[in-house]
Amino acid sequence: MSNDHIKVFTTTDQKENAIGIARMLVENRLAACAQVIGPVTSTFWWKNRVDEEEEWLVVMKTRTGLYQEMEKAIKDIHTYEVPEIIASPIVAGNKDYLDWLDEEVGGE
């Protein structure tokens, strides 16, 4: 199976912001599906100290070729100074689901 598909992850500080990111990406056909998970507790270094915050995780499924456009769209509306936006390849999956994903984001 090729690596034409990815999961993209971002976090934000409010459920409403997470839902807004998810909806914007799906409406603009940059993601076939987005799930909001949370709250989760994140522990991280920020500005020379350890910080701990409640966050909401957004998991989006898309095609690899849409990553750059998706990243820009997320950055344009994200409230964080340095938002987490990372992608992982989908190395295997239900063919019917991946075909559906392709159809929803304009894949080949």
PDB file of N, CA and C in Angstrom:
ATOM      1  N   MET A   1       0.852  -1.186   0.000  1.00  0.00           N
ATOM      2  CA  MET A   1       0.000   0.000   0.000  1.00  0.00           C
ATOM      3  C   MET A   1       0.892   1.242   0.000  1.00  0.00           C
ATOM      4  N   SER A   2       0.545   2.225  -0.782  1.00  0.00           N
ATOM      5  CA  SER A   2       1.354   3.440  -0.860  1.00  0.00           C
ATOM      6  C   SER A   2       1.087   4.340   0.335  1.00  0.00           C
ATOM      7  N   ASN A   3       1.957   5.319   0.508  1.00  0.00           N
ATOM      8  CA  ASN A   3       1.793   6.282   1.596  1.00  0.00           C
ATOM      9  C   ASN A   3       1.115   7.547   1.090  1.00  0.00           C
ATOM     10  N   ASP A   4       0.006   7.395   0.389  1.00  0.00           N
ATOM     11  CA  ASP A   4      -0.733   8.538  -0.126  1.00  0.00           C
ATOM     12  C   ASP A   4      -1.627   9.175   0.927  1.00  0.00           C
ATOM     13  N   HIS A   5      -1.769   8.538   2.075  1.00  0.00           N
ATOM     14  CA  HIS A   5      -2.699   8.998   3.100  1.00  0.00           C
ATOM     15  C   HIS A   5      -1.957   9.285   4.400  1.00  0.00           C
ATOM     16  N   ILE A   6      -2.427  10.315   5.111  1.00  0.00           N
ATOM     17  CA  ILE A   6      -1.824  10.686   6.384  1.00  0.00           C
ATOM     18  C   ILE A   6      -2.898  11.020   7.405  1.00  0.00           C
ATOM     19  N   LYS A   7      -2.496  10.950   8.666  1.00  0.00           N
ATOM     20  CA  LYS A   7      -3.268  11.510   9.774  1.00  0.00           C
ATOM     21  C   LYS A   7      -2.509  12.745  10.218  1.00  0.00           C
ATOM     22  N   VAL A   8      -3.213  13.840  10.397  1.00  0.00           N
ATOM     23  CA  VAL A   8      -2.610  15.090  10.862  1.00  0.00           C
ATOM     24  C   VAL A   8      -3.198  15.390  12.234  1.00  0.00           C
ATOM     25  N   PHE A   9      -2.346  15.829  13.139  1.00  0.00           N
ATOM     26  CA  PHE A   9      -2.742  16.091  14.513  1.00  0.00           C
ATOM     27  C   PHE A   9      -2.465  17.547  14.875  1.00  0.00           C
ATOM     28  N   THR A  10      -3.376  18.139  15.617  1.00  0.00           N
ATOM     29  CA  THR A  10      -3.137  19.442  16.221  1.00  0.00           C
ATOM     30  C   THR A  10      -3.864  19.467  17.558  1.00  0.00           C
ATOM     31  N   THR A  11      -3.451  20.372  18.436  1.00  0.00           N
ATOM     32  CA  THR A  11      -4.122  20.553  19.716  1.00  0.00           C
ATOM     33  C   THR A  11      -4.459  22.026  19.879  1.00  0.00           C
ATOM     34  N   THR A  12      -5.473  22.272  20.690  1.00  0.00           N
ATOM     35  CA  THR A  12      -5.862  23.645  20.987  1.00  0.00           C
ATOM     36  C   THR A  12      -6.452  23.702  22.388  1.00  0.00           C
ATOM     37  N   ASP A  13      -6.600  24.902  22.898  1.00  0.00           N
ATOM     38  CA  ASP A  13      -6.967  25.068  24.304  1.00  0.00           C
ATOM     39  C   ASP A  13      -8.465  25.058  24.591  1.00  0.00           C
ATOM     40  N   GLN A  14      -9.299  25.100  23.567  1.00  0.00           N
ATOM     41  CA  GLN A  14     -10.744  25.114  23.793  1.00  0.00           C
ATOM     42  C   GLN A  14     -11.439  24.171  22.819  1.00  0.00           C
ATOM     43  N   LYS A  15     -12.460  23.503  23.317  1.00  0.00           N
ATOM     44  CA  LYS A  15     -13.229  22.572  22.483  1.00  0.00           C
ATOM     45  C   LYS A  15     -13.799  23.287  21.265  1.00  0.00           C
ATOM     46  N   GLU A  16     -14.311  24.487  21.440  1.00  0.00           N
ATOM     47  CA  GLU A  16     -14.893  25.244  20.330  1.00  0.00           C
ATOM     48  C   GLU A  16     -13.860  25.510  19.234  1.00  0.00           C
ATOM     49  N   ASN A  17     -12.622  25.814  19.629  1.00  0.00           N
ATOM     50  CA  ASN A  17     -11.561  26.030  18.641  1.00  0.00           C
ATOM     51  C   ASN A  17     -11.255  24.747  17.882  1.00  0.00           C
ATOM     52  N   ALA A  18     -11.222  23.629  18.597  1.00  0.00           N
ATOM     53  CA  ALA A  18     -10.946  22.335  17.964  1.00  0.00           C
ATOM     54  C   ALA A  18     -12.044  21.989  16.957  1.00  0.00           C
ATOM     55  N   ILE A  19     -13.296  22.189  17.355  1.00  0.00           N
ATOM     56  CA  ILE A  19     -14.408  21.913  16.449  1.00  0.00           C
ATOM     57  C   ILE A  19     -14.351  22.842  15.243  1.00  0.00           C
ATOM     58  N   GLY A  20     -13.977  24.098  15.460  1.00  0.00           N
ATOM     59  CA  GLY A  20     -13.855  25.051  14.358  1.00  0.00           C
ATOM     60  C   GLY A  20     -12.791  24.641  13.353  1.00  0.00           C
ATOM     61  N   ILE A  21     -11.650  24.172  13.839  1.00  0.00           N
ATOM     62  CA  ILE A  21     -10.586  23.699  12.949  1.00  0.00           C
ATOM     63  C   ILE A  21     -11.075  22.484  12.166  1.00  0.00           C
ATOM     64  N   ALA A  22     -11.678  21.535  12.862  1.00  0.00           N
ATOM     65  CA  ALA A  22     -12.171  20.311  12.212  1.00  0.00           C
ATOM     66  C   ALA A  22     -13.182  20.651  11.127  1.00  0.00           C
ATOM     67  N   ARG A  23     -14.151  21.479  11.446  1.00  0.00           N
ATOM     68  CA  ARG A  23     -15.205  21.829  10.491  1.00  0.00           C
ATOM     69  C   ARG A  23     -14.631  22.567   9.287  1.00  0.00           C
ATOM     70  N   MET A  24     -13.742  23.532   9.515  1.00  0.00           N
ATOM     71  CA  MET A  24     -13.155  24.304   8.424  1.00  0.00           C
ATOM     72  C   MET A  24     -12.415  23.393   7.447  1.00  0.00           C
ATOM     73  N   LEU A  25     -11.641  22.446   7.963  1.00  0.00           N
ATOM     74  CA  LEU A  25     -10.867  21.566   7.093  1.00  0.00           C
ATOM     75  C   LEU A  25     -11.752  20.614   6.301  1.00  0.00           C
ATOM     76  N   VAL A  26     -12.800  20.084   6.929  1.00  0.00           N
ATOM     77  CA  VAL A  26     -13.712  19.184   6.223  1.00  0.00           C
ATOM     78  C   VAL A  26     -14.526  19.973   5.191  1.00  0.00           C
ATOM     79  N   GLU A  27     -15.039  21.135   5.573  1.00  0.00           N
ATOM     80  CA  GLU A  27     -15.827  21.942   4.631  1.00  0.00           C
ATOM     81  C   GLU A  27     -15.017  22.352   3.406  1.00  0.00           C
ATOM     82  N   ASN A  28     -13.711  22.592   3.603  1.00  0.00           N
ATOM     83  CA  ASN A  28     -12.837  23.000   2.503  1.00  0.00           C
ATOM     84  C   ASN A  28     -12.196  21.820   1.779  1.00  0.00           C
ATOM     85  N   ARG A  29     -12.647  20.606   2.119  1.00  0.00           N
ATOM     86  CA  ARG A  29     -12.202  19.366   1.466  1.00  0.00           C
ATOM     87  C   ARG A  29     -10.696  19.130   1.618  1.00  0.00           C
ATOM     88  N   LEU A  30     -10.120  19.657   2.700  1.00  0.00           N
ATOM     89  CA  LEU A  30      -8.717  19.382   3.007  1.00  0.00           C
ATOM     90  C   LEU A  30      -8.594  18.134   3.880  1.00  0.00           C
ATOM     91  N   ALA A  31      -9.669  17.766   4.539  1.00  0.00           N
ATOM     92  CA  ALA A  31      -9.730  16.539   5.342  1.00  0.00           C
ATOM     93  C   ALA A  31     -11.039  15.835   5.016  1.00  0.00           C
ATOM     94  N   ALA A  32     -10.977  14.515   4.928  1.00  0.00           N
ATOM     95  CA  ALA A  32     -12.197  13.740   4.714  1.00  0.00           C
ATOM     96  C   ALA A  32     -12.951  13.580   6.028  1.00  0.00           C
ATOM     97  N   CYS A  33     -12.209  13.569   7.115  1.00  0.00           N
ATOM     98  CA  CYS A  33     -12.782  13.326   8.428  1.00  0.00           C
ATOM     99  C   CYS A  33     -11.879  13.974   9.465  1.00  0.00           C
ATOM    100  N   ALA A  34     -12.475  14.497  10.516  1.00  0.00           N
ATOM    101  CA  ALA A  34     -11.707  15.043  11.632  1.00  0.00           C
ATOM    102  C   ALA A  34     -12.415  14.679  12.926  1.00  0.00           C
ATOM    103  N   GLN A  35     -11.661  14.243  13.889  1.00  0.00           N
ATOM    104  CA  GLN A  35     -12.217  13.880  15.182  1.00  0.00           C
ATOM    105  C   GLN A  35     -11.636  14.779  16.254  1.00  0.00           C
ATOM    106  N   VAL A  36     -12.477  15.213  17.160  1.00  0.00           N
ATOM    107  CA  VAL A  36     -12.051  16.019  18.301  1.00  0.00           C
ATOM    108  C   VAL A  36     -12.081  15.123  19.531  1.00  0.00           C
ATOM    109  N   ILE A  37     -10.956  15.053  20.208  1.00  0.00           N
ATOM    110  CA  ILE A  37     -10.798  14.176  21.366  1.00  0.00           C
ATOM    111  C   ILE A  37     -10.382  15.048  22.548  1.00  0.00           C
ATOM    112  N   GLY A  38     -11.003  14.819  23.680  1.00  0.00           N
ATOM    113  CA  GLY A  38     -10.553  15.580  24.825  1.00  0.00           C
ATOM    114  C   GLY A  38     -11.613  15.686  25.897  1.00  0.00           C
ATOM    115  N   PRO A  39     -11.238  16.355  26.931  1.00  0.00           N
ATOM    116  CA  PRO A  39      -9.949  17.017  27.069  1.00  0.00           C
ATOM    117  C   PRO A  39      -8.820  16.024  27.370  1.00  0.00           C
ATOM    118  N   VAL A  40      -7.621  16.432  27.011  1.00  0.00           N
ATOM    119  CA  VAL A  40      -6.404  15.703  27.342  1.00  0.00           C
ATOM    120  C   VAL A  40      -5.508  16.650  28.134  1.00  0.00           C
ATOM    121  N   THR A  41      -4.639  16.096  28.940  1.00  0.00           N
ATOM    122  CA  THR A  41      -3.688  16.906  29.684  1.00  0.00           C
ATOM    123  C   THR A  41      -2.354  16.844  28.979  1.00  0.00           C
ATOM    124  N   SER A  42      -1.813  18.010  28.621  1.00  0.00           N
ATOM    125  CA  SER A  42      -0.523  18.088  27.944  1.00  0.00           C
ATOM    126  C   SER A  42       0.503  18.699  28.885  1.00  0.00           C
ATOM    127  N   THR A  43       1.673  18.079  28.952  1.00  0.00           N
ATOM    128  CA  THR A  43       2.800  18.580  29.726  1.00  0.00           C
ATOM    129  C   THR A  43       3.918  18.863  28.748  1.00  0.00           C
ATOM    130  N   PHE A  44       4.493  20.084  28.793  1.00  0.00           N
ATOM    131  CA  PHE A  44       5.451  20.495  27.770  1.00  0.00           C
ATOM    132  C   PHE A  44       6.351  21.622  28.274  1.00  0.00           C
ATOM    133  N   TRP A  45       7.492  21.779  27.598  1.00  0.00           N
ATOM    134  CA  TRP A  45       8.367  22.927  27.846  1.00  0.00           C
ATOM    135  C   TRP A  45       7.836  24.102  27.050  1.00  0.00           C
ATOM    136  N   TRP A  46       7.721  25.250  27.697  1.00  0.00           N
ATOM    137  CA  TRP A  46       7.328  26.469  26.996  1.00  0.00           C
ATOM    138  C   TRP A  46       7.927  27.657  27.732  1.00  0.00           C
ATOM    139  N   LYS A  47       8.732  28.421  27.004  1.00  0.00           N
ATOM    140  CA  LYS A  47       9.359  29.633  27.531  1.00  0.00           C
ATOM    141  C   LYS A  47      10.115  29.358  28.820  1.00  0.00           C
ATOM    142  N   ASN A  48      10.997  28.358  28.731  1.00  0.00           N
ATOM    143  CA  ASN A  48      11.947  28.013  29.796  1.00  0.00           C
ATOM    144  C   ASN A  48      11.321  27.440  31.064  1.00  0.00           C
ATOM    145  N   ARG A  49      10.161  26.826  30.942  1.00  0.00           N
ATOM    146  CA  ARG A  49       9.577  26.165  32.111  1.00  0.00           C
ATOM    147  C   ARG A  49       8.664  25.037  31.649  1.00  0.00           C
ATOM    148  N   VAL A  50       8.389  24.139  32.577  1.00  0.00           N
ATOM    149  CA  VAL A  50       7.440  23.070  32.296  1.00  0.00           C
ATOM    150  C   VAL A  50       6.040  23.630  32.540  1.00  0.00           C
ATOM    151  N   ASP A  51       5.176  23.402  31.569  1.00  0.00           N
ATOM    152  CA  ASP A  51       3.795  23.869  31.662  1.00  0.00           C
ATOM    153  C   ASP A  51       2.872  22.667  31.541  1.00  0.00           C
ATOM    154  N   GLU A  52       1.700  22.777  32.074  1.00  0.00           N
ATOM    155  CA  GLU A  52       0.697  21.715  31.975  1.00  0.00           C
ATOM    156  C   GLU A  52      -0.649  22.376  31.721  1.00  0.00           C
ATOM    157  N   GLU A  53      -1.307  21.944  30.654  1.00  0.00           N
ATOM    158  CA  GLU A  53      -2.569  22.555  30.250  1.00  0.00           C
ATOM    159  C   GLU A  53      -3.558  21.496  29.793  1.00  0.00           C
ATOM    160  N   GLU A  54      -4.831  21.826  29.898  1.00  0.00           N
ATOM    161  CA  GLU A  54      -5.884  21.011  29.311  1.00  0.00           C
ATOM    162  C   GLU A  54      -6.026  21.425  27.858  1.00  0.00           C
ATOM    163  N   GLU A  55      -6.052  20.429  26.978  1.00  0.00           N
ATOM    164  CA  GLU A  55      -6.159  20.708  25.550  1.00  0.00           C
ATOM    165  C   GLU A  55      -7.155  19.753  24.906  1.00  0.00           C
ATOM    166  N   TRP A  56      -7.479  20.057  23.652  1.00  0.00           N
ATOM    167  CA  TRP A  56      -8.338  19.240  22.814  1.00  0.00           C
ATOM    168  C   TRP A  56      -7.524  18.825  21.603  1.00  0.00           C
ATOM    169  N   LEU A  57      -7.550  17.545  21.297  1.00  0.00           N
ATOM    170  CA  LEU A  57      -6.794  16.973  20.181  1.00  0.00           C
ATOM    171  C   LEU A  57      -7.700  16.840  18.968  1.00  0.00           C
ATOM    172  N   VAL A  58      -7.207  17.296  17.811  1.00  0.00           N
ATOM    173  CA  VAL A  58      -7.931  17.134  16.557  1.00  0.00           C
ATOM    174  C   VAL A  58      -7.115  16.186  15.683  1.00  0.00           C
ATOM    175  N   VAL A  59      -7.749  15.105  15.228  1.00  0.00           N
ATOM    176  CA  VAL A  59      -7.114  14.113  14.367  1.00  0.00           C
ATOM    177  C   VAL A  59      -7.828  14.167  13.017  1.00  0.00           C
ATOM    178  N   MET A  60      -7.054  14.444  11.956  1.00  0.00           N
ATOM    179  CA  MET A  60      -7.627  14.618  10.624  1.00  0.00           C
ATOM    180  C   MET A  60      -7.027  13.596   9.669  1.00  0.00           C
ATOM    181  N   LYS A  61      -7.854  13.090   8.756  1.00  0.00           N
ATOM    182  CA  LYS A  61      -7.373  12.155   7.735  1.00  0.00           C
ATOM    183  C   LYS A  61      -7.447  12.826   6.380  1.00  0.00           C
ATOM    184  N   THR A  62      -6.327  12.703   5.621  1.00  0.00           N
ATOM    185  CA  THR A  62      -6.251  13.367   4.326  1.00  0.00           C
ATOM    186  C   THR A  62      -5.229  12.671   3.444  1.00  0.00           C
ATOM    187  N   ARG A  63      -4.988  13.273   2.283  1.00  0.00           N
ATOM    188  CA  ARG A  63      -3.953  12.781   1.363  1.00  0.00           C
ATOM    189  C   ARG A  63      -2.652  13.537   1.635  1.00  0.00           C
ATOM    190  N   THR A  64      -1.548  12.858   1.450  1.00  0.00           N
ATOM    191  CA  THR A  64      -0.237  13.450   1.689  1.00  0.00           C
ATOM    192  C   THR A  64      -0.059  14.758   0.919  1.00  0.00           C
ATOM    193  N   GLY A  65      -0.532  14.802  -0.318  1.00  0.00           N
ATOM    194  CA  GLY A  65      -0.359  15.984  -1.154  1.00  0.00           C
ATOM    195  C   GLY A  65      -1.095  17.217  -0.662  1.00  0.00           C
ATOM    196  N   LEU A  66      -2.008  17.068   0.283  1.00  0.00           N
ATOM    197  CA  LEU A  66      -2.754  18.209   0.813  1.00  0.00           C
ATOM    198  C   LEU A  66      -2.159  18.763   2.104  1.00  0.00           C
ATOM    199  N   TYR A  67      -1.056  18.150   2.578  1.00  0.00           N
ATOM    200  CA  TYR A  67      -0.519  18.554   3.884  1.00  0.00           C
ATOM    201  C   TYR A  67      -0.163  20.043   3.943  1.00  0.00           C
ATOM    202  N   GLN A  68       0.580  20.548   2.981  1.00  0.00           N
ATOM    203  CA  GLN A  68       1.024  21.946   3.047  1.00  0.00           C
ATOM    204  C   GLN A  68      -0.152  22.911   3.097  1.00  0.00           C
ATOM    205  N   GLU A  69      -1.156  22.659   2.277  1.00  0.00           N
ATOM    206  CA  GLU A  69      -2.340  23.512   2.271  1.00  0.00           C
ATOM    207  C   GLU A  69      -3.090  23.408   3.601  1.00  0.00           C
ATOM    208  N   MET A  70      -3.166  22.196   4.145  1.00  0.00           N
ATOM    209  CA  MET A  70      -3.819  21.996   5.432  1.00  0.00           C
ATOM    210  C   MET A  70      -3.068  22.726   6.537  1.00  0.00           C
ATOM    211  N   GLU A  71      -1.757  22.598   6.546  1.00  0.00           N
ATOM    212  CA  GLU A  71      -0.951  23.277   7.569  1.00  0.00           C
ATOM    213  C   GLU A  71      -1.197  24.786   7.536  1.00  0.00           C
ATOM    214  N   LYS A  72      -1.180  25.371   6.358  1.00  0.00           N
ATOM    215  CA  LYS A  72      -1.421  26.813   6.229  1.00  0.00           C
ATOM    216  C   LYS A  72      -2.811  27.177   6.736  1.00  0.00           C
ATOM    217  N   ALA A  73      -3.818  26.398   6.371  1.00  0.00           N
ATOM    218  CA  ALA A  73      -5.190  26.676   6.802  1.00  0.00           C
ATOM    219  C   ALA A  73      -5.310  26.615   8.327  1.00  0.00           C
ATOM    220  N   ILE A  74      -4.654  25.641   8.950  1.00  0.00           N
ATOM    221  CA  ILE A  74      -4.686  25.532  10.410  1.00  0.00           C
ATOM    222  C   ILE A  74      -3.997  26.746  11.033  1.00  0.00           C
ATOM    223  N   LYS A  75      -2.806  27.081  10.547  1.00  0.00           N
ATOM    224  CA  LYS A  75      -2.071  28.222  11.096  1.00  0.00           C
ATOM    225  C   LYS A  75      -2.864  29.518  10.973  1.00  0.00           C
ATOM    226  N   ASP A  76      -3.611  29.671   9.884  1.00  0.00           N
ATOM    227  CA  ASP A  76      -4.369  30.898   9.659  1.00  0.00           C
ATOM    228  C   ASP A  76      -5.431  31.144  10.727  1.00  0.00           C
ATOM    229  N   ILE A  77      -5.973  30.078  11.336  1.00  0.00           N
ATOM    230  CA  ILE A  77      -7.030  30.291  12.331  1.00  0.00           C
ATOM    231  C   ILE A  77      -6.654  29.840  13.736  1.00  0.00           C
ATOM    232  N   HIS A  78      -5.482  29.239  13.907  1.00  0.00           N
ATOM    233  CA  HIS A  78      -5.097  28.703  15.215  1.00  0.00           C
ATOM    234  C   HIS A  78      -4.761  29.837  16.177  1.00  0.00           C
ATOM    235  N   THR A  79      -5.087  29.641  17.441  1.00  0.00           N
ATOM    236  CA  THR A  79      -4.838  30.675  18.449  1.00  0.00           C
ATOM    237  C   THR A  79      -3.455  30.580  19.089  1.00  0.00           C
ATOM    238  N   TYR A  80      -2.733  29.484  18.882  1.00  0.00           N
ATOM    239  CA  TYR A  80      -1.428  29.313  19.508  1.00  0.00           C
ATOM    240  C   TYR A  80      -0.341  30.037  18.716  1.00  0.00           C
ATOM    241  N   GLU A  81       0.661  30.507  19.430  1.00  0.00           N
ATOM    242  CA  GLU A  81       1.835  31.122  18.807  1.00  0.00           C
ATOM    243  C   GLU A  81       2.591  30.094  17.970  1.00  0.00           C
ATOM    244  N   VAL A  82       2.751  28.905  18.508  1.00  0.00           N
ATOM    245  CA  VAL A  82       3.434  27.811  17.809  1.00  0.00           C
ATOM    246  C   VAL A  82       2.554  26.560  17.909  1.00  0.00           C
ATOM    247  N   PRO A  83       1.595  26.416  17.003  1.00  0.00           N
ATOM    248  CA  PRO A  83       0.702  25.260  17.108  1.00  0.00           C
ATOM    249  C   PRO A  83       1.393  23.954  16.716  1.00  0.00           C
ATOM    250  N   GLU A  84       1.024  22.900  17.415  1.00  0.00           N
ATOM    251  CA  GLU A  84       1.440  21.554  17.014  1.00  0.00           C
ATOM    252  C   GLU A  84       0.654  21.205  15.752  1.00  0.00           C
ATOM    253  N   ILE A  85       1.362  20.917  14.687  1.00  0.00           N
ATOM    254  CA  ILE A  85       0.746  20.399  13.463  1.00  0.00           C
ATOM    255  C   ILE A  85       1.719  19.343  12.958  1.00  0.00           C
ATOM    256  N   ILE A  86       1.363  18.086  13.154  1.00  0.00           N
ATOM    257  CA  ILE A  86       2.252  16.998  12.748  1.00  0.00           C
ATOM    258  C   ILE A  86       1.454  15.966  11.958  1.00  0.00           C
ATOM    259  N   ALA A  87       2.169  15.229  11.123  1.00  0.00           N
ATOM    260  CA  ALA A  87       1.518  14.221  10.290  1.00  0.00           C
ATOM    261  C   ALA A  87       2.228  12.881  10.434  1.00  0.00           C
ATOM    262  N   SER A  88       1.437  11.837  10.363  1.00  0.00           N
ATOM    263  CA  SER A  88       1.955  10.466  10.360  1.00  0.00           C
ATOM    264  C   SER A  88       1.356   9.734   9.172  1.00  0.00           C
ATOM    265  N   PRO A  89       2.167   8.915   8.496  1.00  0.00           N
ATOM    266  CA  PRO A  89       1.629   8.175   7.354  1.00  0.00           C
ATOM    267  C   PRO A  89       0.648   7.102   7.811  1.00  0.00           C
ATOM    268  N   ILE A  90      -0.341   6.858   6.987  1.00  0.00           N
ATOM    269  CA  ILE A  90      -1.221   5.703   7.171  1.00  0.00           C
ATOM    270  C   ILE A  90      -0.612   4.611   6.306  1.00  0.00           C
ATOM    271  N   VAL A  91      -0.018   3.624   6.933  1.00  0.00           N
ATOM    272  CA  VAL A  91       0.729   2.614   6.184  1.00  0.00           C
ATOM    273  C   VAL A  91      -0.148   1.458   5.712  1.00  0.00           C
ATOM    274  N   ALA A  92      -1.313   1.315   6.308  1.00  0.00           N
ATOM    275  CA  ALA A  92      -2.257   0.285   5.889  1.00  0.00           C
ATOM    276  C   ALA A  92      -3.636   0.709   6.367  1.00  0.00           C
ATOM    277  N   GLY A  93      -4.655   0.199   5.682  1.00  0.00           N
ATOM    278  CA  GLY A  93      -6.008   0.537   6.105  1.00  0.00           C
ATOM    279  C   GLY A  93      -7.039  -0.139   5.233  1.00  0.00           C
ATOM    280  N   ASN A  94      -8.273  -0.084   5.685  1.00  0.00           N
ATOM    281  CA  ASN A  94      -9.403  -0.628   4.959  1.00  0.00           C
ATOM    282  C   ASN A  94      -9.487   0.065   3.597  1.00  0.00           C
ATOM    283  N   LYS A  95      -9.353  -0.695   2.525  1.00  0.00           N
ATOM    284  CA  LYS A  95      -9.351  -0.128   1.172  1.00  0.00           C
ATOM    285  C   LYS A  95     -10.605   0.693   0.907  1.00  0.00           C
ATOM    286  N   ASP A  96     -11.751   0.212   1.343  1.00  0.00           N
ATOM    287  CA  ASP A  96     -12.999   0.946   1.136  1.00  0.00           C
ATOM    288  C   ASP A  96     -12.950   2.306   1.831  1.00  0.00           C
ATOM    289  N   TYR A  97     -12.399   2.347   3.034  1.00  0.00           N
ATOM    290  CA  TYR A  97     -12.282   3.612   3.769  1.00  0.00           C
ATOM    291  C   TYR A  97     -11.320   4.561   3.059  1.00  0.00           C
ATOM    292  N   LEU A  98     -10.182   4.040   2.628  1.00  0.00           N
ATOM    293  CA  LEU A  98      -9.199   4.887   1.955  1.00  0.00           C
ATOM    294  C   LEU A  98      -9.714   5.382   0.608  1.00  0.00           C
ATOM    295  N   ASP A  99     -10.499   4.556  -0.084  1.00  0.00           N
ATOM    296  CA  ASP A  99     -11.139   5.001  -1.328  1.00  0.00           C
ATOM    297  C   ASP A  99     -12.114   6.140  -1.036  1.00  0.00           C
ATOM    298  N   TRP A 100     -12.887   5.988   0.038  1.00  0.00           N
ATOM    299  CA  TRP A 100     -13.820   7.043   0.443  1.00  0.00           C
ATOM    300  C   TRP A 100     -13.057   8.325   0.776  1.00  0.00           C
ATOM    301  N   LEU A 101     -11.956   8.191   1.526  1.00  0.00           N
ATOM    302  CA  LEU A 101     -11.124   9.344   1.862  1.00  0.00           C
ATOM    303  C   LEU A 101     -10.692  10.065   0.587  1.00  0.00           C
ATOM    304  N   ASP A 102     -10.207   9.316  -0.394  1.00  0.00           N
ATOM    305  CA  ASP A 102      -9.777   9.906  -1.668  1.00  0.00           C
ATOM    306  C   ASP A 102     -10.913  10.667  -2.343  1.00  0.00           C
ATOM    307  N   GLU A 103     -12.077  10.085  -2.349  1.00  0.00           N
ATOM    308  CA  GLU A 103     -13.229  10.732  -3.001  1.00  0.00           C
ATOM    309  C   GLU A 103     -13.569  12.055  -2.329  1.00  0.00           C
ATOM    310  N   GLU A 104     -13.482  12.092  -1.006  1.00  0.00           N
ATOM    311  CA  GLU A 104     -13.907  13.282  -0.261  1.00  0.00           C
ATOM    312  C   GLU A 104     -12.914  14.435  -0.354  1.00  0.00           C
ATOM    313  N   VAL A 105     -11.650  14.138  -0.594  1.00  0.00           N
ATOM    314  CA  VAL A 105     -10.651  15.211  -0.691  1.00  0.00           C
ATOM    315  C   VAL A 105     -10.114  15.361  -2.114  1.00  0.00           C
ATOM    316  N   GLY A 106     -10.811  14.756  -3.069  1.00  0.00           N
ATOM    317  CA  GLY A 106     -10.440  14.943  -4.464  1.00  0.00           C
ATOM    318  C   GLY A 106      -9.208  14.178  -4.911  1.00  0.00           C
ATOM    319  N   GLY A 107      -9.000  12.999  -4.351  1.00  0.00           N
ATOM    320  CA  GLY A 107      -7.858  12.182  -4.766  1.00  0.00           C
ATOM    321  C   GLY A 107      -8.095  11.470  -6.071  1.00  0.00           C
ATOM    322  N   GLU A 108      -7.026  10.849  -6.543  1.00  0.00           N
ATOM    323  CA  GLU A 108      -7.138  10.113  -7.810  1.00  0.00           C
ATOM    324  C   GLU A 108      -7.818   8.790  -7.601  1.00  0.00           C
TER     325      GLU A 108
END
